[in-house]
Amino acid sequence: LTSGLEYSLSIQPENILGKGTEMFVSALLNETRPPETPQLYPPVLLNSTSIRVEWNEVECTQRIARYVIQYNISDGSSSNEVIANAETTSIVITGLSRYSLYSISIAAMNSIGTSLFSE
């Protein structure tokens, strides 16, 4: 079955006495889980304190509300989060510390919930 499609089913009971009344049922199948995790592409260095982060567009039946990007200095001394709107697949992060190694992860959010953060 595919999420977002309507399915119809007819049921007609039958036994040794004959057939009963046929009943029709239809239902719209909706996805009820958070979106898949976006995939981050390698960041693009813009200058010594700025990078552009890009990711793939996540497909799901429930509209993506926003993306959450977490970036942390690898030694744990700094942790930050940026929210990106659903219509974009890239963001520029500024104000980074020079000569520091960062880890970056992303998650997608919709009305059902939040995806796992990327590795």
C-alpha atoms as a PDB file:
ATOM      1  CA  LEU A   1       0.000   0.000   0.000  1.00  0.00           C
ATOM      2  CA  THR A   2       1.161   3.509  -0.768  1.00  0.00           C
ATOM      3  CA  SER A   3       0.747   6.429   1.617  1.00  0.00           C
ATOM      4  CA  GLY A   4      -1.460   9.217   0.300  1.00  0.00           C
ATOM      5  CA  LEU A   5      -3.664   6.960  -1.857  1.00  0.00           C
ATOM      6  CA  GLU A   6      -7.275   6.039  -1.196  1.00  0.00           C
ATOM      7  CA  TYR A   7      -8.170   2.353  -1.144  1.00  0.00           C
ATOM      8  CA  SER A   8     -11.621   0.753  -1.457  1.00  0.00           C
ATOM      9  CA  LEU A   9     -12.677  -2.679  -0.305  1.00  0.00           C
ATOM     10  CA  SER A  10     -15.930  -4.561  -0.667  1.00  0.00           C
ATOM     11  CA  ILE A  11     -16.977  -7.277   1.767  1.00  0.00           C
ATOM     12  CA  GLN A  12     -19.830  -9.724   1.244  1.00  0.00           C
ATOM     13  CA  PRO A  13     -20.434 -12.454   3.804  1.00  0.00           C
ATOM     14  CA  GLU A  14     -21.503 -15.875   2.550  1.00  0.00           C
ATOM     15  CA  ASN A  15     -22.458 -19.112   4.304  1.00  0.00           C
ATOM     16  CA  ILE A  16     -24.587 -22.178   3.601  1.00  0.00           C
ATOM     17  CA  LEU A  17     -27.746 -20.056   3.812  1.00  0.00           C
ATOM     18  CA  GLY A  18     -26.593 -17.716   1.041  1.00  0.00           C
ATOM     19  CA  LYS A  19     -24.981 -14.337   0.533  1.00  0.00           C
ATOM     20  CA  GLY A  20     -25.348 -11.411   2.879  1.00  0.00           C
ATOM     21  CA  THR A  21     -25.410  -7.711   2.108  1.00  0.00           C
ATOM     22  CA  GLU A  22     -22.315  -6.411   0.359  1.00  0.00           C
ATOM     23  CA  MET A  23     -20.583  -3.591   2.231  1.00  0.00           C
ATOM     24  CA  PHE A  24     -18.153  -1.057   0.783  1.00  0.00           C
ATOM     25  CA  VAL A  25     -15.369   0.559   2.785  1.00  0.00           C
ATOM     26  CA  SER A  26     -12.819   3.136   1.621  1.00  0.00           C
ATOM     27  CA  ALA A  27      -9.963   4.726   3.496  1.00  0.00           C
ATOM     28  CA  LEU A  28      -7.208   7.201   2.781  1.00  0.00           C
ATOM     29  CA  LEU A  29      -3.839   5.873   3.885  1.00  0.00           C
ATOM     30  CA  ASN A  30      -1.786   8.627   5.520  1.00  0.00           C
ATOM     31  CA  GLU A  31       1.815   8.412   6.588  1.00  0.00           C
ATOM     32  CA  THR A  32       2.087   8.583  10.370  1.00  0.00           C
ATOM     33  CA  ARG A  33       5.809   8.716  10.935  1.00  0.00           C
ATOM     34  CA  PRO A  34       8.444  11.456  10.999  1.00  0.00           C
ATOM     35  CA  PRO A  35      10.349  12.265   7.807  1.00  0.00           C
ATOM     36  CA  GLU A  36      13.484  10.460   6.714  1.00  0.00           C
ATOM     37  CA  THR A  37      16.836  11.894   7.816  1.00  0.00           C
ATOM     38  CA  PRO A  38      18.288  14.416   5.337  1.00  0.00           C
ATOM     39  CA  GLN A  39      21.718  13.705   3.879  1.00  0.00           C
ATOM     40  CA  LEU A  40      24.347  16.405   4.389  1.00  0.00           C
ATOM     41  CA  TYR A  41      26.724  17.196   1.531  1.00  0.00           C
ATOM     42  CA  PRO A  42      30.314  18.238   2.293  1.00  0.00           C
ATOM     43  CA  PRO A  43      30.286  21.836   3.612  1.00  0.00           C
ATOM     44  CA  VAL A  44      31.717  24.619   1.433  1.00  0.00           C
ATOM     45  CA  LEU A  45      34.277  26.895   3.079  1.00  0.00           C
ATOM     46  CA  LEU A  46      33.393  30.543   2.322  1.00  0.00           C
ATOM     47  CA  ASN A  47      36.058  32.171   4.501  1.00  0.00           C
ATOM     48  CA  SER A  48      37.911  31.414   7.765  1.00  0.00           C
ATOM     49  CA  THR A  49      34.739  31.786   9.876  1.00  0.00           C
ATOM     50  CA  SER A  50      31.869  30.883   7.489  1.00  0.00           C
ATOM     51  CA  ILE A  51      30.629  27.780   5.688  1.00  0.00           C
ATOM     52  CA  ARG A  52      27.688  26.875   3.485  1.00  0.00           C
ATOM     53  CA  VAL A  53      25.899  23.680   4.507  1.00  0.00           C
ATOM     54  CA  GLU A  54      23.768  21.854   1.913  1.00  0.00           C
ATOM     55  CA  TRP A  55      21.460  18.835   2.145  1.00  0.00           C
ATOM     56  CA  ASN A  56      19.052  16.835   0.029  1.00  0.00           C
ATOM     57  CA  GLU A  57      15.342  17.605  -0.017  1.00  0.00           C
ATOM     58  CA  VAL A  58      13.444  15.053   2.052  1.00  0.00           C
ATOM     59  CA  GLU A  59      10.413  13.475   0.410  1.00  0.00           C
ATOM     60  CA  CYS A  60       7.433  12.496   2.529  1.00  0.00           C
ATOM     61  CA  THR A  61       3.668  12.813   2.341  1.00  0.00           C
ATOM     62  CA  GLN A  62       3.475  15.296   5.231  1.00  0.00           C
ATOM     63  CA  ARG A  63       4.915  18.713   4.379  1.00  0.00           C
ATOM     64  CA  ILE A  64       8.317  19.457   5.896  1.00  0.00           C
ATOM     65  CA  ALA A  65       7.959  22.333   8.377  1.00  0.00           C
ATOM     66  CA  ARG A  66      11.653  23.131   8.890  1.00  0.00           C
ATOM     67  CA  TYR A  67      15.163  21.744   9.169  1.00  0.00           C
ATOM     68  CA  VAL A  68      17.272  21.844  12.335  1.00  0.00           C
ATOM     69  CA  ILE A  69      21.039  22.114  11.843  1.00  0.00           C
ATOM     70  CA  GLN A  70      23.307  21.462  14.821  1.00  0.00           C
ATOM     71  CA  TYR A  71      26.972  22.417  14.678  1.00  0.00           C
ATOM     72  CA  ASN A  72      29.392  21.751  17.499  1.00  0.00           C
ATOM     73  CA  ILE A  73      33.084  22.231  18.059  1.00  0.00           C
ATOM     74  CA  SER A  74      34.414  18.691  18.162  1.00  0.00           C
ATOM     75  CA  ASP A  75      36.058  19.136  21.583  1.00  0.00           C
ATOM     76  CA  GLY A  76      32.610  19.866  23.082  1.00  0.00           C
ATOM     77  CA  SER A  77      33.371  23.478  24.029  1.00  0.00           C
ATOM     78  CA  SER A  78      30.567  24.922  21.893  1.00  0.00           C
ATOM     79  CA  SER A  79      27.145  23.715  20.740  1.00  0.00           C
ATOM     80  CA  ASN A  80      24.822  25.644  18.411  1.00  0.00           C
ATOM     81  CA  GLU A  81      21.594  25.150  16.503  1.00  0.00           C
ATOM     82  CA  VAL A  82      20.123  26.910  13.475  1.00  0.00           C
ATOM     83  CA  ILE A  83      16.604  26.546  12.047  1.00  0.00           C
ATOM     84  CA  ALA A  84      16.150  26.596   8.257  1.00  0.00           C
ATOM     85  CA  ASN A  85      12.799  26.967   6.538  1.00  0.00           C
ATOM     86  CA  ALA A  86      11.331  24.069   4.591  1.00  0.00           C
ATOM     87  CA  GLU A  87      11.802  25.712   1.183  1.00  0.00           C
ATOM     88  CA  THR A  88      15.588  25.724   1.343  1.00  0.00           C
ATOM     89  CA  THR A  89      18.271  23.054   1.112  1.00  0.00           C
ATOM     90  CA  SER A  90      21.253  25.171   2.160  1.00  0.00           C
ATOM     91  CA  ILE A  91      22.229  27.681   4.801  1.00  0.00           C
ATOM     92  CA  VAL A  92      25.289  29.822   5.555  1.00  0.00           C
ATOM     93  CA  ILE A  93      26.707  29.520   9.064  1.00  0.00           C
ATOM     94  CA  THR A  94      28.844  32.474  10.165  1.00  0.00           C
ATOM     95  CA  GLY A  95      30.796  33.346  13.279  1.00  0.00           C
ATOM     96  CA  LEU A  96      32.678  30.044  13.484  1.00  0.00           C
ATOM     97  CA  SER A  97      35.894  29.852  15.486  1.00  0.00           C
ATOM     98  CA  ARG A  98      39.039  29.841  13.398  1.00  0.00           C
ATOM     99  CA  TYR A  99      41.203  26.710  13.448  1.00  0.00           C
ATOM    100  CA  SER A 100      38.417  24.654  15.061  1.00  0.00           C
ATOM    101  CA  LEU A 101      36.998  21.348  13.887  1.00  0.00           C
ATOM    102  CA  TYR A 102      33.184  21.215  13.837  1.00  0.00           C
ATOM    103  CA  SER A 103      30.713  18.373  13.623  1.00  0.00           C
ATOM    104  CA  ILE A 104      27.468  19.130  11.760  1.00  0.00           C
ATOM    105  CA  SER A 105      24.193  17.228  11.747  1.00  0.00           C
ATOM    106  CA  ILE A 106      20.701  17.883  10.426  1.00  0.00           C
ATOM    107  CA  ALA A 107      17.146  16.703  11.063  1.00  0.00           C
ATOM    108  CA  ALA A 108      13.862  17.370   9.252  1.00  0.00           C
ATOM    109  CA  MET A 109      10.629  18.224  11.082  1.00  0.00           C
ATOM    110  CA  ASN A 110       7.002  17.868   9.997  1.00  0.00           C
ATOM    111  CA  SER A 111       3.622  17.725  11.759  1.00  0.00           C
ATOM    112  CA  ILE A 112       4.229  14.089  12.762  1.00  0.00           C
ATOM    113  CA  GLY A 113       7.642  14.577  14.385  1.00  0.00           C
ATOM    114  CA  THR A 114      11.381  14.977  13.890  1.00  0.00           C
ATOM    115  CA  SER A 115      13.669  12.689  11.918  1.00  0.00           C
ATOM    116  CA  LEU A 116      16.834  11.277  13.398  1.00  0.00           C
ATOM    117  CA  PHE A 117      19.818  13.626  13.173  1.00  0.00           C
ATOM    118  CA  SER A 118      22.300  12.760  10.451  1.00  0.00           C
ATOM    119  CA  GLU A 119      25.589  11.168  11.406  1.00  0.00           C
END
